[in-house]
Amino acid sequence: MKKRLAVIGGGVSGVTLARLVQGSFNVTIFERESSLLQKLLRTGNGRANIYNRNIHSFAYNDEHFLSEHLPHIVKTLDDLFSAFNIVTYTDTEGRVYPYSRSAKALRALLIKDLKAEVKLEHNVEEIVKVRDKYKVDGEEFDAVALTMGSSAGLFKYPLDNGNAALLSALDLETTALVPTIKTIKVKENLKRIEHERITARVTLMDDENVIASDVGEVLFKKDGLSGIVSFILSSYLEWAVVRYPKRNYYLTLDLMPEFSARYTAEIIKTTDDLDNVFSPNISHYLKGRNEPLLDRVKALTFTPIPKNNPENTSAMHGGIKLSKLNTDFEVRESPNLFALGEVINIDGICGGYNLAFAFYSAKVVSDALLRKL
């Protein structure tokens, strides 16, 4: 008889793992929602940015833990989607999408060939180790995979996603959860330029160092900075604050990143010249700032407020401590208990890196399970 695998969570990691081992295991997926892969539908603005070809160490919060995996992620995912007969498309930034550019279509393809028992609207209350097996709400399994997604963007759940008691009962220590990939809230009042957009170089720094810098479109909210470049830097901000909570952090915007400071100074010599370059609202806002004129354009400074949870939060930093896991994502002190995807303390920046890890960790765990047969 086939061994039995319980998959706790019907997100990307859970469904992918089930697909990969369903020929060798009898798989049961426990999902508390009314359908599988619900969060996938929101990724990439509904287009499903499934991974990124520019995988690098600084795209994730823990370079050390992933060091042996990073060189293999892209090739593994190329092979995985080929095996699933899912055609992909890569844009000029290296972001990979299903060729349909449709998260809804991708969801249908992932579910179509799924051969697992699926228990929807089932919130797992108890997992107990009994000798060399596990009982999930009283049902016996040979192995368990914890693939519970994060609560990012799901305000009906607390930050711990309702999993704290379950993980604690399994003796799985967790780190604090912090929302990432989101609008960066700032202390300054941006009501005057709310809804304005501008392409800028945004640089995150502390008292001594530049932490990260990127160029992209910034969308001003009344109390924060949004847009892809802000989503990327929000992760670096939260990672830095977790490591060094007592430091002061700043964001600077170069509003004319194409031009040198010297050339910019030739274009903007007085505040009246701001009207020649920027929209009326942005020009008015800059005229009201107190910094030297060139700094207002080339190093406009904001003070970020970390650890907030806006509606557009897309990921969560924190989770099961990596010291609890081996490199196959198996719990060191509990054979045949695996933790993967968002439930562990690995998160990446905006751009397909989190879905990449979700798919990739499922492949790693599937290989580990199949080796055990």
Protein backbone atom coordinates (compact mmCIF):
# COMPACT_ATOMS: atom_id res chain seq x y z
CA MET A 1 0.00 0.00 0.00
CA LYS A 2 1.11 3.55 -0.67
CA LYS A 3 2.22 5.62 2.28
CA ARG A 4 -0.02 8.51 3.30
CA LEU A 5 1.01 12.18 3.21
CA ALA A 6 -0.95 14.98 4.87
CA VAL A 7 -0.47 18.42 3.32
CA ILE A 8 -1.61 21.19 5.66
CA GLY A 9 -2.54 24.08 3.40
CA GLY A 10 -3.80 24.21 -0.17
CA GLY A 11 -1.62 27.03 -1.49
CA VAL A 12 1.16 26.92 -4.08
CA SER A 13 3.57 24.86 -1.97
CA GLY A 14 0.94 22.39 -0.91
CA VAL A 15 -0.65 21.79 -4.30
CA THR A 16 2.74 21.58 -6.06
CA LEU A 17 4.03 19.06 -3.53
CA ALA A 18 0.88 16.98 -3.89
CA ARG A 19 1.22 16.99 -7.68
CA LEU A 20 4.85 15.87 -7.49
CA VAL A 21 4.34 12.90 -5.13
CA GLN A 22 0.78 11.80 -5.88
CA GLY A 23 1.98 8.86 -7.96
CA SER A 24 3.86 7.40 -4.98
CA PHE A 25 1.83 8.64 -1.97
CA ASN A 26 -1.82 8.82 -1.10
CA VAL A 27 -2.08 12.57 -0.48
CA THR A 28 -4.69 14.43 1.54
CA ILE A 29 -4.74 18.23 1.41
CA PHE A 30 -6.34 20.07 4.32
CA GLU A 31 -7.44 23.59 3.33
CA ARG A 32 -9.40 25.89 5.60
CA GLU A 33 -10.81 28.01 2.76
CA SER A 34 -13.54 27.00 0.32
CA SER A 35 -11.13 26.42 -2.60
CA LEU A 36 -7.46 25.80 -3.36
CA LEU A 37 -4.85 28.36 -4.46
CA GLN A 38 -6.88 31.44 -3.55
CA LYS A 39 -3.88 33.69 -2.91
CA LEU A 40 -2.32 32.75 -6.24
CA LEU A 41 -5.12 34.66 -7.97
CA ARG A 42 -3.79 37.97 -6.57
CA THR A 43 -0.14 37.57 -7.53
CA GLY A 44 1.43 39.78 -10.17
CA ASN A 45 -1.76 41.87 -10.38
CA GLY A 46 -3.59 38.77 -11.46
CA ARG A 47 -0.91 37.76 -13.98
CA ALA A 48 0.99 35.38 -11.64
CA ASN A 49 4.67 36.38 -11.51
CA ILE A 50 5.74 32.80 -10.74
CA TYR A 51 9.52 33.28 -10.52
CA ASN A 52 12.44 35.42 -11.58
CA ARG A 53 15.48 34.47 -13.66
CA ASN A 54 17.66 36.90 -11.72
CA ILE A 55 17.85 34.82 -8.56
CA HIS A 56 20.53 36.25 -6.30
CA SER A 57 21.42 36.00 -2.62
CA PHE A 58 20.25 39.48 -1.64
CA ALA A 59 16.74 38.75 -2.93
CA TYR A 60 16.02 36.76 0.25
CA ASN A 61 16.24 37.46 3.95
CA ASP A 62 18.57 34.54 4.77
CA GLU A 63 21.41 34.09 2.31
CA HIS A 64 23.20 31.51 4.48
CA PHE A 65 20.31 29.03 4.72
CA LEU A 66 19.62 29.20 0.98
CA SER A 67 23.25 29.25 -0.16
CA GLU A 68 23.28 25.72 -1.55
CA HIS A 69 19.85 26.13 -3.13
CA LEU A 70 20.24 29.46 -4.95
CA PRO A 71 22.29 28.16 -7.91
CA HIS A 72 19.63 25.55 -8.69
CA ILE A 73 16.34 27.42 -8.32
CA VAL A 74 15.90 28.70 -11.88
CA LYS A 75 16.83 25.40 -13.59
CA THR A 76 14.61 23.48 -11.17
CA LEU A 77 11.64 25.74 -11.91
CA ASP A 78 12.22 25.62 -15.66
CA ASP A 79 12.12 21.82 -15.46
CA LEU A 80 9.14 21.86 -13.11
CA PHE A 81 6.90 23.93 -15.37
CA SER A 82 8.01 21.95 -18.39
CA ALA A 83 7.00 18.75 -16.60
CA PHE A 84 3.64 20.33 -15.74
CA ASN A 85 3.20 21.31 -19.42
CA ILE A 86 2.84 24.97 -18.44
CA VAL A 87 4.31 27.33 -21.04
CA THR A 88 6.01 30.40 -19.56
CA TYR A 89 6.95 33.89 -20.71
CA THR A 90 9.91 35.98 -19.45
CA ASP A 91 9.78 39.80 -19.58
CA THR A 92 12.72 42.15 -20.04
CA GLU A 93 13.26 42.34 -16.27
CA GLY A 94 13.63 38.56 -15.95
CA ARG A 95 10.20 38.09 -14.39
CA VAL A 96 8.56 34.82 -15.42
CA TYR A 97 4.81 34.44 -15.98
CA PRO A 98 2.58 31.72 -17.37
CA TYR A 99 2.25 32.45 -21.08
CA SER A 100 -1.41 33.26 -20.54
CA ARG A 101 -0.39 36.03 -18.10
CA SER A 102 -3.35 34.82 -16.08
CA ALA A 103 -3.20 33.63 -12.49
CA LYS A 104 -6.70 32.23 -12.95
CA ALA A 105 -5.57 30.11 -15.91
CA LEU A 106 -2.46 28.95 -14.02
CA ARG A 107 -4.60 27.93 -11.04
CA ALA A 108 -6.78 25.82 -13.33
CA LEU A 109 -3.73 24.10 -14.85
CA LEU A 110 -2.22 23.30 -11.45
CA ILE A 111 -5.48 21.80 -10.18
CA LYS A 112 -6.44 19.98 -13.39
CA ASP A 113 -4.09 17.02 -12.91
CA LEU A 114 -4.21 16.99 -9.10
CA LYS A 115 -4.99 13.51 -7.79
CA ALA A 116 -5.36 14.01 -4.08
CA GLU A 117 -8.12 13.91 -1.53
CA VAL A 118 -8.95 17.54 -0.78
CA LYS A 119 -10.66 18.49 2.45
CA LEU A 120 -11.90 22.05 2.04
CA GLU A 121 -13.09 24.26 4.89
CA HIS A 122 -11.10 22.08 7.24
CA ASN A 123 -8.97 24.00 9.72
CA VAL A 124 -6.53 21.51 11.25
CA GLU A 125 -6.69 21.68 15.04
CA GLU A 126 -4.17 19.02 16.09
CA ILE A 127 -1.13 17.16 14.78
CA VAL A 128 0.27 14.54 17.13
CA LYS A 129 3.32 12.32 16.63
CA VAL A 130 2.51 8.72 17.51
CA ARG A 131 5.63 6.53 17.33
CA ASP A 132 6.79 6.81 13.70
CA LYS A 133 3.54 8.26 12.36
CA TYR A 134 1.42 11.40 12.74
CA LYS A 135 -2.24 11.87 13.55
CA VAL A 136 -3.87 14.88 11.92
CA ASP A 137 -7.16 15.57 13.68
CA GLY A 138 -7.21 11.85 14.57
CA GLU A 139 -6.38 10.57 11.06
CA GLU A 140 -3.09 8.65 10.71
CA PHE A 141 -0.39 9.58 8.16
CA ASP A 142 3.16 8.49 7.46
CA ALA A 143 4.38 12.03 6.76
CA VAL A 144 3.14 15.58 7.17
CA ALA A 145 4.01 18.71 5.19
CA LEU A 146 3.24 22.07 6.79
CA THR A 147 2.50 24.41 3.89
CA MET A 148 0.25 26.96 5.56
CA GLY A 149 0.46 30.27 3.75
CA SER A 150 0.99 33.61 5.45
CA SER A 151 -1.78 35.99 6.47
CA ALA A 152 -0.47 38.72 4.14
CA GLY A 153 -3.42 40.67 2.81
CA LEU A 154 -5.89 38.48 4.73
CA PHE A 155 -7.20 40.74 7.47
CA LYS A 156 -9.71 38.18 8.68
CA TYR A 157 -6.73 36.33 10.21
CA PRO A 158 -4.18 37.53 12.79
CA LEU A 159 -0.51 37.92 11.85
CA ASP A 160 0.22 34.37 13.03
CA ASN A 161 -2.43 33.19 10.55
CA GLY A 162 -4.06 31.23 13.36
CA ASN A 163 -1.19 28.72 13.36
CA ALA A 164 0.61 29.62 16.59
CA ALA A 165 -0.96 26.91 18.78
CA LEU A 166 -0.48 24.19 16.14
CA LEU A 167 3.19 25.02 15.63
CA SER A 168 3.84 25.35 19.36
CA ALA A 169 2.35 21.90 19.99
CA LEU A 170 4.86 20.52 17.46
CA ASP A 171 7.67 22.25 19.36
CA LEU A 172 8.40 24.49 16.38
CA GLU A 173 9.81 27.82 17.50
CA THR A 174 8.92 30.82 15.37
CA THR A 175 10.30 34.30 14.81
CA ALA A 176 8.10 37.39 14.97
CA LEU A 177 5.95 38.04 11.91
CA VAL A 178 6.33 41.34 10.06
CA PRO A 179 4.37 42.35 6.91
CA THR A 180 6.52 43.05 3.83
CA ILE A 181 6.10 43.93 0.12
CA LYS A 182 3.80 46.85 0.82
CA THR A 183 3.43 50.61 0.86
CA ILE A 184 6.16 52.14 3.04
CA LYS A 185 4.45 54.35 5.57
CA VAL A 186 6.32 57.59 6.35
CA LYS A 187 6.08 60.26 9.04
CA GLU A 188 5.73 63.10 6.55
CA ASN A 189 2.29 64.30 5.42
CA LEU A 190 1.96 63.61 1.68
CA LYS A 191 -1.66 64.65 1.27
CA ARG A 192 -0.67 67.39 -1.20
CA ILE A 193 0.86 64.86 -3.61
CA GLU A 194 -1.45 61.91 -2.95
CA HIS A 195 -2.02 59.90 -6.17
CA GLU A 196 0.92 61.59 -7.96
CA ARG A 197 3.37 59.29 -9.74
CA ILE A 198 7.01 59.87 -10.59
CA THR A 199 9.99 57.78 -11.66
CA ALA A 200 12.70 58.09 -9.02
CA ARG A 201 15.71 56.40 -7.55
CA VAL A 202 14.73 55.41 -4.03
CA THR A 203 17.53 54.72 -1.56
CA LEU A 204 17.13 53.17 1.87
CA MET A 205 19.84 53.93 4.43
CA ASP A 206 20.50 53.89 8.14
CA ASP A 207 22.74 56.25 10.14
CA GLU A 208 25.87 54.90 8.47
CA ASN A 209 25.14 52.77 5.40
CA VAL A 210 23.19 52.51 2.18
CA ILE A 211 21.07 49.36 2.58
CA ALA A 212 19.38 49.18 -0.83
CA SER A 213 18.62 51.38 -3.83
CA ASP A 214 16.45 50.95 -6.92
CA VAL A 215 14.83 52.97 -9.68
CA GLY A 216 11.16 52.75 -10.52
CA GLU A 217 7.78 54.41 -10.42
CA VAL A 218 6.73 55.80 -7.05
CA LEU A 219 3.06 56.30 -6.27
CA PHE A 220 2.53 58.76 -3.44
CA LYS A 221 -0.10 57.88 -0.86
CA LYS A 222 -1.23 60.41 1.72
CA ASP A 223 0.96 58.73 4.32
CA GLY A 224 3.44 56.62 2.36
CA LEU A 225 5.29 55.57 -0.78
CA SER A 226 3.85 52.85 -2.99
CA GLY A 227 4.73 51.28 -6.34
CA ILE A 228 7.05 48.39 -7.22
CA VAL A 229 10.25 50.14 -6.13
CA SER A 230 8.70 50.83 -2.72
CA PHE A 231 7.46 47.24 -2.47
CA ILE A 232 11.02 46.04 -3.05
CA LEU A 233 12.58 48.39 -0.50
CA SER A 234 9.90 47.61 2.09
CA SER A 235 11.39 44.13 2.48
CA TYR A 236 14.90 45.48 2.95
CA LEU A 237 13.56 47.97 5.49
CA GLU A 238 11.80 45.34 7.60
CA TRP A 239 14.74 42.94 7.45
CA ALA A 240 17.06 45.71 8.62
CA VAL A 241 14.75 46.78 11.45
CA VAL A 242 14.50 43.19 12.71
CA ARG A 243 18.32 42.90 12.76
CA TYR A 244 19.10 46.39 14.03
CA PRO A 245 16.00 47.78 15.76
CA LYS A 246 17.78 50.73 17.41
CA ARG A 247 19.12 52.33 14.24
CA ASN A 248 17.50 55.26 12.48
CA TYR A 249 16.33 54.66 8.90
CA TYR A 250 15.77 57.07 6.02
CA LEU A 251 14.51 57.04 2.45
CA THR A 252 15.84 59.47 -0.14
CA LEU A 253 14.31 60.06 -3.56
CA ASP A 254 16.26 61.26 -6.55
CA LEU A 255 13.44 62.74 -8.62
CA MET A 256 15.64 63.16 -11.71
CA PRO A 257 17.68 59.94 -11.73
CA GLU A 258 18.67 60.30 -15.38
CA PHE A 259 20.68 63.45 -14.67
CA SER A 260 23.77 64.14 -12.57
CA ALA A 261 23.55 66.55 -9.65
CA ARG A 262 25.64 69.04 -11.61
CA TYR A 263 23.37 68.99 -14.65
CA THR A 264 20.25 69.10 -12.47
CA ALA A 265 21.59 72.23 -10.79
CA GLU A 266 21.86 73.88 -14.20
CA ILE A 267 18.21 73.07 -14.96
CA ILE A 268 16.77 74.00 -11.56
CA LYS A 269 18.39 77.21 -10.29
CA THR A 270 15.40 78.66 -8.47
CA THR A 271 12.16 77.30 -7.03
CA ASP A 272 10.30 78.72 -10.02
CA ASP A 273 12.21 76.26 -12.23
CA LEU A 274 10.47 73.39 -10.45
CA ASP A 275 7.34 74.25 -12.44
CA ASN A 276 9.23 73.49 -15.66
CA VAL A 277 10.03 69.92 -14.60
CA PHE A 278 7.37 68.56 -12.27
CA SER A 279 3.60 68.37 -12.08
CA PRO A 280 1.90 71.31 -10.32
CA ASN A 281 1.23 69.30 -7.15
CA ILE A 282 4.76 67.93 -6.87
CA SER A 283 6.26 71.34 -7.65
CA HIS A 284 4.09 72.96 -4.97
CA TYR A 285 5.09 70.27 -2.47
CA LEU A 286 8.81 70.72 -3.19
CA LYS A 287 8.53 74.48 -2.80
CA GLY A 288 7.20 73.89 0.70
CA ARG A 289 10.13 71.73 1.81
CA ASN A 290 12.97 73.30 3.77
CA GLU A 291 16.03 71.47 2.39
CA PRO A 292 18.46 73.13 -0.03
CA LEU A 293 16.87 73.26 -3.49
CA LEU A 294 19.12 70.63 -5.08
CA ASP A 295 18.50 68.22 -2.18
CA ARG A 296 14.74 68.53 -2.68
CA VAL A 297 15.21 67.15 -6.18
CA LYS A 298 18.16 64.77 -5.83
CA ALA A 299 17.83 63.62 -2.20
CA LEU A 300 14.28 64.25 -1.02
CA THR A 301 14.22 62.61 2.41
CA PHE A 302 11.43 60.73 4.19
CA THR A 303 11.33 58.92 7.53
CA PRO A 304 9.82 55.42 7.20
CA ILE A 305 7.58 53.88 9.84
CA PRO A 306 8.19 50.10 9.91
CA LYS A 307 6.00 47.24 11.14
CA ASN A 308 2.70 48.45 9.74
CA ASN A 309 0.23 46.28 7.84
CA PRO A 310 -1.46 48.11 4.93
CA GLU A 311 -4.06 46.50 2.69
CA ASN A 312 -1.58 45.87 -0.12
CA THR A 313 0.73 43.73 2.02
CA SER A 314 1.82 40.77 -0.12
CA ALA A 315 4.23 38.78 2.04
CA MET A 316 5.20 38.10 5.64
CA HIS A 317 8.67 38.04 7.14
CA GLY A 318 9.16 35.51 9.94
CA GLY A 319 7.87 32.04 10.70
CA ILE A 320 9.36 28.71 11.77
CA LYS A 321 13.01 29.18 12.75
CA LEU A 322 15.36 27.83 10.10
CA SER A 323 17.55 26.27 12.78
CA LYS A 324 14.74 23.74 13.23
CA LEU A 325 15.07 22.48 9.64
CA ASN A 326 17.63 20.64 7.55
CA THR A 327 18.34 21.65 3.97
CA ASP A 328 15.49 19.42 2.71
CA PHE A 329 13.08 21.43 4.89
CA GLU A 330 12.55 18.45 7.19
CA VAL A 331 12.22 19.18 10.91
CA ARG A 332 15.47 17.99 12.46
CA GLU A 333 13.95 16.35 15.53
CA SER A 334 10.80 15.03 13.85
CA PRO A 335 11.45 12.69 10.91
CA ASN A 336 8.89 12.89 8.09
CA LEU A 337 7.60 16.26 9.27
CA PHE A 338 8.37 18.97 6.71
CA ALA A 339 7.82 22.73 6.68
CA LEU A 340 8.03 24.74 3.47
CA GLY A 341 6.87 27.84 1.68
CA GLU A 342 5.55 30.82 3.61
CA VAL A 343 5.29 29.04 6.97
CA ILE A 344 9.08 29.17 7.49
CA ASN A 345 11.30 32.21 7.99
CA ILE A 346 12.20 32.72 4.33
CA ASP A 347 10.82 35.60 2.32
CA GLY A 348 11.97 37.40 -0.78
CA ILE A 349 11.61 40.82 -2.36
CA CYS A 350 8.90 41.77 -4.84
CA GLY A 351 9.37 40.31 -8.32
CA GLY A 352 8.44 36.63 -8.23
CA TYR A 353 10.92 35.54 -5.56
CA ASN A 354 8.34 34.38 -3.04
CA LEU A 355 6.40 32.24 -5.48
CA ALA A 356 9.74 30.94 -6.76
CA PHE A 357 10.56 29.71 -3.27
CA ALA A 358 7.09 28.23 -2.82
CA PHE A 359 7.42 26.13 -5.99
CA TYR A 360 11.08 25.31 -5.41
CA SER A 361 10.72 24.21 -1.77
CA ALA A 362 7.88 21.88 -2.84
CA LYS A 363 10.22 20.24 -5.35
CA VAL A 364 12.95 19.83 -2.71
CA VAL A 365 10.52 18.22 -0.27
CA SER A 366 9.04 15.97 -2.93
CA ASP A 367 12.53 14.69 -3.77
CA ALA A 368 13.24 14.06 -0.09
CA LEU A 369 9.96 12.14 0.36
CA LEU A 370 10.53 10.02 -2.74
CA ARG A 371 14.02 9.10 -1.55
CA LYS A 372 12.48 7.71 1.63
CA LEU A 373 10.35 5.13 -0.20
